[in-house]
Amino acid sequence: MDMASSLSLYANTPLPAALDMQSSVARQFFEGKPFENWRKGRESDLKMQSAIVNRLNDVIRACGIVAKTVSRSR
């Protein structure tokens, strides 16, 4: 069931079809080069999203510093 669930999530395979599939075929899918490439691409996307969030946090922090500085000078 665990392999079938993973197959339905990562390969867009309907769960009933994934349950009918032999585990060796599913294992070949997960051990194959296309899945490895997809996983690397996904990791790259997540790293990029993390970098964007970190930059936005820096901008928000800088805006707070500017707001404090402006409020003190008045």
N, C-alpha and C. Protein backbone atom coordinates (compact mmCIF):
# COMPACT_ATOMS: atom_id res chain seq x y z
N MET A 1 0.83 -1.20 0.00
CA MET A 1 0.00 0.00 0.00
C MET A 1 0.87 1.26 0.00
N ASP A 2 1.98 1.21 0.72
CA ASP A 2 2.85 2.38 0.81
C ASP A 2 3.45 2.72 -0.55
N MET A 3 3.89 1.70 -1.26
CA MET A 3 4.47 1.91 -2.59
C MET A 3 3.40 2.42 -3.55
N ALA A 4 2.20 1.89 -3.46
CA ALA A 4 1.11 2.32 -4.34
C ALA A 4 0.73 3.77 -4.05
N SER A 5 0.71 4.14 -2.79
CA SER A 5 0.40 5.53 -2.44
C SER A 5 1.45 6.48 -3.00
N SER A 6 2.69 6.11 -2.87
CA SER A 6 3.77 6.94 -3.40
C SER A 6 3.67 7.04 -4.92
N LEU A 7 3.37 5.94 -5.55
CA LEU A 7 3.25 5.93 -7.00
C LEU A 7 2.10 6.82 -7.46
N SER A 8 0.99 6.79 -6.74
CA SER A 8 -0.13 7.63 -7.14
C SER A 8 0.18 9.11 -6.92
N LEU A 9 0.98 9.43 -5.92
CA LEU A 9 1.34 10.82 -5.67
C LEU A 9 2.36 11.35 -6.67
N TYR A 10 3.40 10.59 -6.91
CA TYR A 10 4.51 11.08 -7.71
C TYR A 10 4.37 10.82 -9.20
N ALA A 11 3.58 9.84 -9.60
CA ALA A 11 3.48 9.50 -11.01
C ALA A 11 2.10 9.80 -11.59
N ASN A 12 1.25 10.47 -10.82
CA ASN A 12 -0.11 10.79 -11.27
C ASN A 12 -0.84 9.54 -11.75
N THR A 13 -0.62 8.45 -11.05
CA THR A 13 -1.29 7.19 -11.36
C THR A 13 -2.49 7.05 -10.43
N PRO A 14 -3.65 6.71 -10.97
CA PRO A 14 -4.80 6.49 -10.07
C PRO A 14 -4.48 5.40 -9.05
N LEU A 15 -4.96 5.57 -7.85
CA LEU A 15 -4.64 4.62 -6.78
C LEU A 15 -5.04 3.19 -7.12
N PRO A 16 -6.23 2.95 -7.70
CA PRO A 16 -6.55 1.55 -8.05
C PRO A 16 -5.55 0.95 -9.04
N ALA A 17 -5.09 1.74 -10.00
CA ALA A 17 -4.10 1.24 -10.96
C ALA A 17 -2.76 1.00 -10.27
N ALA A 18 -2.42 1.87 -9.33
CA ALA A 18 -1.16 1.69 -8.60
C ALA A 18 -1.23 0.46 -7.71
N LEU A 19 -2.39 0.19 -7.15
CA LEU A 19 -2.55 -1.01 -6.32
C LEU A 19 -2.45 -2.28 -7.15
N ASP A 20 -2.89 -2.22 -8.40
CA ASP A 20 -2.82 -3.39 -9.28
C ASP A 20 -1.42 -3.62 -9.83
N MET A 21 -0.59 -2.59 -9.80
CA MET A 21 0.75 -2.69 -10.38
C MET A 21 1.65 -3.55 -9.49
N GLN A 22 2.52 -4.30 -10.14
CA GLN A 22 3.47 -5.11 -9.39
C GLN A 22 4.47 -4.20 -8.69
N SER A 23 4.90 -4.62 -7.52
CA SER A 23 5.82 -3.79 -6.75
C SER A 23 7.17 -3.63 -7.45
N SER A 24 7.56 -4.63 -8.24
CA SER A 24 8.84 -4.51 -8.95
C SER A 24 8.79 -3.41 -10.00
N VAL A 25 7.64 -3.24 -10.64
CA VAL A 25 7.49 -2.18 -11.64
C VAL A 25 7.54 -0.81 -10.95
N ALA A 26 6.85 -0.71 -9.82
CA ALA A 26 6.87 0.55 -9.07
C ALA A 26 8.28 0.85 -8.57
N ARG A 27 8.97 -0.15 -8.12
CA ARG A 27 10.34 0.04 -7.63
C ARG A 27 11.25 0.51 -8.77
N GLN A 28 11.06 -0.05 -9.96
CA GLN A 28 11.85 0.38 -11.12
C GLN A 28 11.59 1.86 -11.42
N PHE A 29 10.35 2.28 -11.26
CA PHE A 29 10.02 3.68 -11.49
C PHE A 29 10.78 4.58 -10.53
N PHE A 30 10.78 4.23 -9.25
CA PHE A 30 11.43 5.07 -8.25
C PHE A 30 12.95 4.99 -8.32
N GLU A 31 13.49 3.93 -8.85
CA GLU A 31 14.93 3.79 -8.97
C GLU A 31 15.45 4.29 -10.32
N GLY A 32 14.55 4.70 -11.19
CA GLY A 32 14.93 5.12 -12.54
C GLY A 32 15.46 6.54 -12.61
N LYS A 33 16.11 6.82 -13.70
CA LYS A 33 16.71 8.13 -13.95
C LYS A 33 15.67 9.24 -14.06
N PRO A 34 14.53 9.02 -14.73
CA PRO A 34 13.55 10.11 -14.82
C PRO A 34 13.04 10.56 -13.45
N PHE A 35 12.81 9.62 -12.55
CA PHE A 35 12.36 10.02 -11.21
C PHE A 35 13.46 10.76 -10.47
N GLU A 36 14.69 10.32 -10.64
CA GLU A 36 15.83 11.00 -10.01
C GLU A 36 15.93 12.44 -10.53
N ASN A 37 15.76 12.61 -11.84
CA ASN A 37 15.79 13.96 -12.42
C ASN A 37 14.65 14.81 -11.89
N TRP A 38 13.46 14.23 -11.78
CA TRP A 38 12.31 14.97 -11.25
C TRP A 38 12.58 15.39 -9.82
N ARG A 39 13.13 14.48 -9.02
CA ARG A 39 13.40 14.78 -7.62
C ARG A 39 14.44 15.90 -7.48
N LYS A 40 15.47 15.86 -8.31
CA LYS A 40 16.48 16.93 -8.28
C LYS A 40 15.86 18.27 -8.68
N GLY A 41 15.00 18.24 -9.67
CA GLY A 41 14.32 19.47 -10.08
C GLY A 41 13.43 20.01 -8.99
N ARG A 42 12.74 19.12 -8.31
CA ARG A 42 11.87 19.53 -7.21
C ARG A 42 12.68 20.12 -6.06
N GLU A 43 13.81 19.50 -5.75
CA GLU A 43 14.68 20.03 -4.70
C GLU A 43 15.19 21.42 -5.08
N SER A 44 15.51 21.59 -6.35
CA SER A 44 15.97 22.90 -6.83
C SER A 44 14.86 23.94 -6.68
N ASP A 45 13.64 23.57 -7.02
CA ASP A 45 12.51 24.50 -6.86
C ASP A 45 12.32 24.89 -5.40
N LEU A 46 12.44 23.92 -4.51
CA LEU A 46 12.27 24.21 -3.09
C LEU A 46 13.38 25.12 -2.56
N LYS A 47 14.60 24.91 -3.04
CA LYS A 47 15.70 25.79 -2.63
C LYS A 47 15.46 27.22 -3.12
N MET A 48 14.94 27.34 -4.33
CA MET A 48 14.66 28.67 -4.88
C MET A 48 13.56 29.35 -4.07
N GLN A 49 12.52 28.62 -3.73
CA GLN A 49 11.45 29.19 -2.92
C GLN A 49 11.97 29.62 -1.56
N SER A 50 12.84 28.83 -0.98
CA SER A 50 13.42 29.17 0.31
C SER A 50 14.25 30.44 0.21
N ALA A 51 15.01 30.58 -0.86
CA ALA A 51 15.82 31.78 -1.05
C ALA A 51 14.93 33.01 -1.20
N ILE A 52 13.83 32.88 -1.92
CA ILE A 52 12.90 34.00 -2.09
C ILE A 52 12.30 34.40 -0.76
N VAL A 53 11.89 33.43 0.03
CA VAL A 53 11.31 33.72 1.34
C VAL A 53 12.33 34.40 2.24
N ASN A 54 13.56 33.93 2.20
CA ASN A 54 14.61 34.56 3.02
C ASN A 54 14.85 36.01 2.59
N ARG A 55 14.84 36.26 1.30
CA ARG A 55 15.02 37.63 0.82
C ARG A 55 13.86 38.52 1.24
N LEU A 56 12.65 37.99 1.15
CA LEU A 56 11.49 38.77 1.59
C LEU A 56 11.56 39.07 3.08
N ASN A 57 12.03 38.11 3.86
CA ASN A 57 12.20 38.35 5.29
C ASN A 57 13.21 39.47 5.54
N ASP A 58 14.28 39.48 4.76
CA ASP A 58 15.27 40.55 4.89
C ASP A 58 14.67 41.91 4.53
N VAL A 59 13.85 41.95 3.50
CA VAL A 59 13.20 43.21 3.10
C VAL A 59 12.25 43.68 4.20
N ILE A 60 11.48 42.77 4.76
CA ILE A 60 10.55 43.13 5.84
C ILE A 60 11.31 43.63 7.05
N ARG A 61 12.39 42.96 7.38
CA ARG A 61 13.22 43.39 8.51
C ARG A 61 13.80 44.78 8.25
N ALA A 62 14.26 45.03 7.03
CA ALA A 62 14.82 46.33 6.69
C ALA A 62 13.74 47.42 6.74
N CYS A 63 12.53 47.10 6.31
CA CYS A 63 11.43 48.07 6.39
C CYS A 63 11.15 48.44 7.84
N GLY A 64 11.22 47.46 8.72
CA GLY A 64 11.02 47.73 10.14
C GLY A 64 12.09 48.64 10.70
N ILE A 65 13.32 48.43 10.28
CA ILE A 65 14.43 49.28 10.74
C ILE A 65 14.25 50.70 10.23
N VAL A 66 13.86 50.84 8.97
CA VAL A 66 13.63 52.17 8.40
C VAL A 66 12.48 52.86 9.14
N ALA A 67 11.41 52.14 9.42
CA ALA A 67 10.27 52.73 10.12
C ALA A 67 10.67 53.20 11.51
N LYS A 68 11.48 52.42 12.22
CA LYS A 68 11.94 52.83 13.55
C LYS A 68 12.82 54.07 13.47
N THR A 69 13.69 54.10 12.47
CA THR A 69 14.59 55.23 12.30
C THR A 69 13.81 56.50 11.99
N VAL A 70 12.84 56.40 11.11
CA VAL A 70 12.03 57.57 10.74
C VAL A 70 11.21 58.05 11.93
N SER A 71 10.66 57.13 12.70
CA SER A 71 9.83 57.54 13.83
C SER A 71 10.67 58.20 14.93
N ARG A 72 11.91 57.83 15.07
CA ARG A 72 12.78 58.44 16.08
C ARG A 72 13.22 59.84 15.68
N SER A 73 13.35 60.07 14.38
CA SER A 73 13.84 61.37 13.92
C SER A 73 12.76 62.44 13.93
N ARG A 74 11.54 62.09 14.14
CA ARG A 74 10.45 63.08 14.14
C ARG A 74 10.25 63.66 15.48
